Protein backbone atom coordinates (compact mmCIF):
# COMPACT_ATOMS: atom_id res chain seq x y z
CA MET A 1 27.81 -37.77 1.52
CA THR A 2 24.38 -37.45 2.40
CA ASN A 3 21.62 -40.02 0.74
CA PRO A 4 20.14 -38.43 -2.41
CA LEU A 5 16.85 -39.17 -1.34
CA THR A 6 17.63 -37.51 2.05
CA LEU A 7 19.31 -34.40 0.25
CA ARG A 8 15.90 -34.06 -1.36
CA GLU A 9 13.81 -33.94 1.74
CA GLU A 10 15.96 -31.50 3.31
CA LEU A 11 15.42 -29.28 0.16
CA CYS A 12 11.66 -29.67 0.53
CA SER A 13 11.88 -28.94 4.05
CA ALA A 14 13.64 -25.89 3.35
CA ALA A 15 11.69 -24.76 0.59
CA ASN A 16 8.24 -25.17 2.77
CA TYR A 17 10.07 -23.10 5.58
CA PHE A 18 11.22 -20.33 3.33
CA HIS A 19 7.51 -20.00 1.64
CA ASP A 20 5.87 -19.77 5.09
CA ARG A 21 7.80 -17.01 5.46
CA GLY A 22 7.43 -15.22 2.18
CA TRP A 23 10.64 -15.75 0.68
CA MET A 24 9.90 -18.50 -1.75
CA TRP A 25 6.32 -17.53 -2.81
CA GLY A 26 5.19 -19.31 -5.80
CA THR A 27 7.47 -20.92 -7.70
CA GLY A 28 10.01 -18.17 -7.22
CA GLY A 29 13.39 -18.81 -5.80
CA ASN A 30 15.32 -22.41 -6.33
CA LEU A 31 17.38 -24.39 -3.96
CA SER A 32 20.12 -27.07 -4.75
CA ALA A 33 22.68 -29.60 -2.96
CA ARG A 34 25.49 -31.49 -4.34
CA ILE A 35 25.48 -35.27 -4.75
CA SER A 36 28.79 -35.79 -5.79
CA THR A 37 31.79 -33.78 -6.75
CA ASP A 38 30.24 -32.75 -10.05
CA ARG A 39 26.80 -33.53 -9.54
CA TYR A 40 23.81 -31.64 -7.69
CA TRP A 41 20.47 -31.97 -7.22
CA VAL A 42 18.29 -28.36 -8.10
CA THR A 43 14.45 -27.74 -7.58
CA ALA A 44 12.69 -28.09 -11.16
CA SER A 45 11.22 -25.18 -13.17
CA GLY A 46 7.76 -24.14 -12.31
CA LYS A 47 7.49 -25.88 -8.66
CA SER A 48 5.48 -24.18 -6.04
CA LYS A 49 8.06 -23.99 -3.12
CA GLY A 50 5.32 -24.50 -0.40
CA THR A 51 4.47 -28.12 -1.81
CA LEU A 52 7.70 -29.67 -3.43
CA THR A 53 8.30 -33.11 -3.38
CA PRO A 54 11.52 -35.61 -3.89
CA LEU A 55 10.43 -35.73 -7.16
CA ASP A 56 10.53 -32.38 -8.14
CA PHE A 57 14.18 -31.86 -8.61
CA ILE A 58 16.58 -32.18 -11.46
CA ASP A 59 20.10 -33.97 -11.01
CA MET A 60 22.33 -31.63 -12.82
CA ASN A 61 25.97 -32.20 -13.54
CA LEU A 62 28.31 -29.63 -13.66
CA ASP A 63 28.80 -29.60 -17.35
CA GLY A 64 25.14 -28.47 -17.91
CA THR A 65 23.79 -31.92 -18.77
CA TRP A 66 20.96 -33.15 -16.68
CA GLU A 67 18.47 -35.83 -15.83
CA PRO A 68 15.17 -35.08 -14.44
CA ALA A 69 13.55 -36.92 -11.26
CA ARG A 70 10.21 -37.00 -13.36
CA ASN A 71 9.93 -37.22 -17.10
CA GLY A 72 8.73 -33.82 -18.41
CA ASP A 73 10.45 -31.34 -16.23
CA LYS A 74 13.30 -29.04 -16.50
CA PRO A 75 15.89 -27.12 -14.41
CA SER A 76 15.13 -24.14 -13.09
CA ALA A 77 15.64 -20.84 -15.30
CA GLU A 78 18.35 -19.83 -12.58
CA THR A 79 20.21 -23.30 -12.41
CA SER A 80 23.31 -21.47 -13.95
CA ILE A 81 23.62 -19.37 -10.67
CA HIS A 82 23.97 -22.56 -9.00
CA GLN A 83 26.22 -24.08 -11.39
CA ALA A 84 28.51 -20.99 -11.25
CA ILE A 85 28.69 -21.31 -7.21
CA TYR A 86 29.45 -25.08 -7.26
CA SER A 87 32.35 -24.66 -9.97
CA LEU A 88 33.97 -21.57 -8.16
CA PHE A 89 33.49 -23.54 -4.76
CA PRO A 90 34.17 -27.38 -4.70
CA ASP A 91 33.94 -27.54 -1.15
CA ILE A 92 30.40 -26.33 -1.00
CA GLN A 93 27.67 -28.66 -0.25
CA ALA A 94 24.24 -26.44 -0.62
CA CYS A 95 23.20 -23.37 -2.46
CA TYR A 96 19.98 -21.41 -1.68
CA HIS A 97 18.45 -18.73 -3.95
CA VAL A 98 15.55 -16.96 -2.42
CA HIS A 99 13.34 -13.73 -3.36
CA SER A 100 12.18 -11.85 -0.52
CA ILE A 101 10.59 -8.09 -0.74
CA GLU A 102 13.11 -7.01 1.96
CA ALA A 103 16.17 -8.19 0.09
CA ASN A 104 14.76 -6.61 -3.08
CA LEU A 105 14.45 -3.29 -1.25
CA VAL A 106 17.69 -3.28 0.54
CA SER A 107 19.25 -3.78 -3.37
CA ASN A 108 18.19 -0.49 -4.50
CA PHE A 109 19.83 1.46 -1.31
CA THR A 110 22.77 1.66 -3.39
CA GLN A 111 23.80 1.89 -6.99
CA GLN A 112 27.63 0.46 -5.89
CA ASP A 113 28.52 -3.36 -6.54
CA SER A 114 28.13 -3.88 -2.93
CA ILE A 115 26.31 -3.02 -0.03
CA ALA A 116 27.59 -2.51 3.67
CA LEU A 117 25.83 -4.63 6.09
CA PRO A 118 25.32 -2.96 9.62
CA PRO A 119 27.53 -4.13 12.24
CA LEU A 120 25.06 -6.55 14.14
CA GLU A 121 25.62 -9.27 16.49
CA MET A 122 23.93 -11.73 13.63
CA VAL A 123 26.80 -11.15 11.19
CA LYS A 124 28.94 -13.52 13.05
CA GLY A 125 26.80 -16.10 11.39
CA LEU A 126 28.38 -14.76 8.28
CA GLY A 127 31.68 -15.79 9.62
CA ILE A 128 32.71 -12.10 10.19
CA TRP A 129 34.13 -12.12 13.86
CA GLU A 130 35.13 -8.47 14.43
CA GLU A 131 34.71 -5.60 16.96
CA ASN A 132 32.53 -3.16 15.08
CA PRO A 133 32.63 -5.25 11.63
CA THR A 134 32.38 -3.74 8.34
CA CYS A 135 30.84 -6.13 6.03
CA MET A 136 29.97 -5.73 2.48
CA MET A 137 28.10 -8.11 0.40
CA PRO A 138 28.34 -8.21 -3.51
CA LEU A 139 25.82 -6.33 -5.22
CA PHE A 140 25.09 -7.76 -8.89
CA GLU A 141 22.84 -6.49 -11.56
CA ASN A 142 19.61 -8.35 -12.71
CA HIS A 143 19.45 -9.55 -16.28
CA LEU A 144 16.65 -11.03 -17.95
CA ASN A 145 19.41 -13.86 -19.40
CA VAL A 146 20.05 -15.57 -16.32
CA PRO A 147 23.54 -16.97 -17.44
CA THR A 148 24.84 -13.20 -17.91
CA ILE A 149 24.23 -13.36 -14.24
CA ALA A 150 26.16 -16.38 -13.68
CA GLN A 151 28.72 -15.46 -15.51
CA ASN A 152 29.19 -12.13 -13.76
CA ILE A 153 29.38 -14.07 -10.71
CA LYS A 154 31.89 -16.35 -11.72
CA ASP A 155 34.40 -13.27 -13.10
CA TYR A 156 33.91 -11.47 -10.19
CA TYR A 157 34.72 -14.73 -7.70
CA SER A 158 37.56 -15.69 -9.88
CA GLU A 159 39.39 -12.58 -8.62
CA THR A 160 38.15 -11.93 -5.57
CA LYS A 161 37.70 -14.55 -2.80
CA PRO A 162 34.42 -14.20 -0.96
CA LYS A 163 34.23 -12.65 2.79
CA ILE A 164 30.68 -13.93 3.36
CA PRO A 165 28.76 -17.38 1.91
CA ALA A 166 26.17 -14.66 0.31
CA LEU A 167 25.25 -12.40 -2.78
CA LEU A 168 22.70 -10.22 -3.90
CA ILE A 169 21.30 -9.47 -7.13
CA ARG A 170 19.35 -6.32 -7.38
CA ASN A 171 15.57 -6.60 -7.76
CA HIS A 172 15.86 -10.43 -7.87
CA GLY A 173 17.13 -11.65 -4.94
CA VAL A 174 19.72 -13.18 -2.33
CA THR A 175 22.06 -16.36 -3.00
CA VAL A 176 23.75 -18.27 -0.23
CA TRP A 177 25.93 -21.15 0.14
CA GLY A 178 27.25 -23.54 2.71
CA GLN A 179 29.25 -26.83 4.14
CA SER A 180 25.74 -28.29 4.37
CA THR A 181 22.18 -27.70 3.84
CA GLU A 182 21.40 -26.72 7.43
CA GLN A 183 24.45 -23.94 7.08
CA ALA A 184 22.76 -22.46 3.86
CA ARG A 185 19.64 -22.83 5.44
CA ASN A 186 20.77 -20.49 8.63
CA THR A 187 22.60 -18.42 6.45
CA VAL A 188 19.28 -17.48 4.86
CA GLU A 189 17.88 -16.57 7.88
CA LEU A 190 20.65 -14.53 8.79
CA VAL A 191 20.71 -12.17 5.82
CA GLU A 192 16.71 -12.15 5.87
CA TYR A 193 17.02 -10.85 9.62
CA ILE A 194 19.67 -8.43 8.29
CA PHE A 195 17.99 -7.04 5.23
CA ARG A 196 14.73 -6.70 7.60
CA TYR A 197 16.51 -4.70 10.05
CA MET A 198 18.23 -2.52 7.52
CA VAL A 199 14.64 -1.89 5.87
CA LEU A 200 13.10 -1.02 9.10
CA ALA A 201 15.79 1.12 10.26
CA ARG A 202 15.42 3.37 7.07
CA GLN A 203 11.80 3.85 7.89
CA THR A 204 12.54 4.98 11.35
CA VAL A 205 15.27 7.35 10.40
CA GLY A 206 12.98 8.60 7.62
C-alpha cells in the first residue's frame, strides 16, 4: 500500500491538474484514495481544488466515522458517493469525482438511465476492446441529499456488474474509479475527452 502522505500528494497533484482544465473549479468535486481495506483519504469540505495541501484531507472509515488531518475540517458533502464505491468494489484504490461543463451538458442528452458513448478509439481506455463498440455509461438523477445518490448507486451496482469504471450524475458530474490514483486520473481524462467530443459533435450536426 502506498504511503499515506504520498497518496495525499498524488491527490493534490490530480486536483490541481483537473482545476487547471476547468473540471474542478472553486471547491467543486472531490478525490479519494484508499489507505487500507476499510480506510481512505477524501478531500475535506470547502477546499479550493487548485490549492490543496496534504492537510486538506479527511481520514475516513467505511463505517462513516472519520478523523481530519487538520482540526475543524469535515468530509466533503459527496463523501457518501466515495463510501458507496469503496464498499461496492473492495479492489479499487482511488475514486475521483469532477464537475465539468461538458459532463453536465452530456447528462441532458437523454432522459434514460444510461447514455451511449460514441465508438471512439478512446473507449479502449475504459476497458472496452471491441470492433465498433457499444458502450453505455450509467446515468443517475441528482439529489440535494447526496446520500440518496449514493444509495441509488449502491442499489444499481449491487445487481449490475460495471462494464466501465465510471458513472454520470445528471447536472452534477462524473465519478470514476481505478486500481490506482494514476488509473483514476487517466479515466477522468478519457471520459472528459469523450464528453467534449459528444458536445462538439452535436454542435456540428446542429
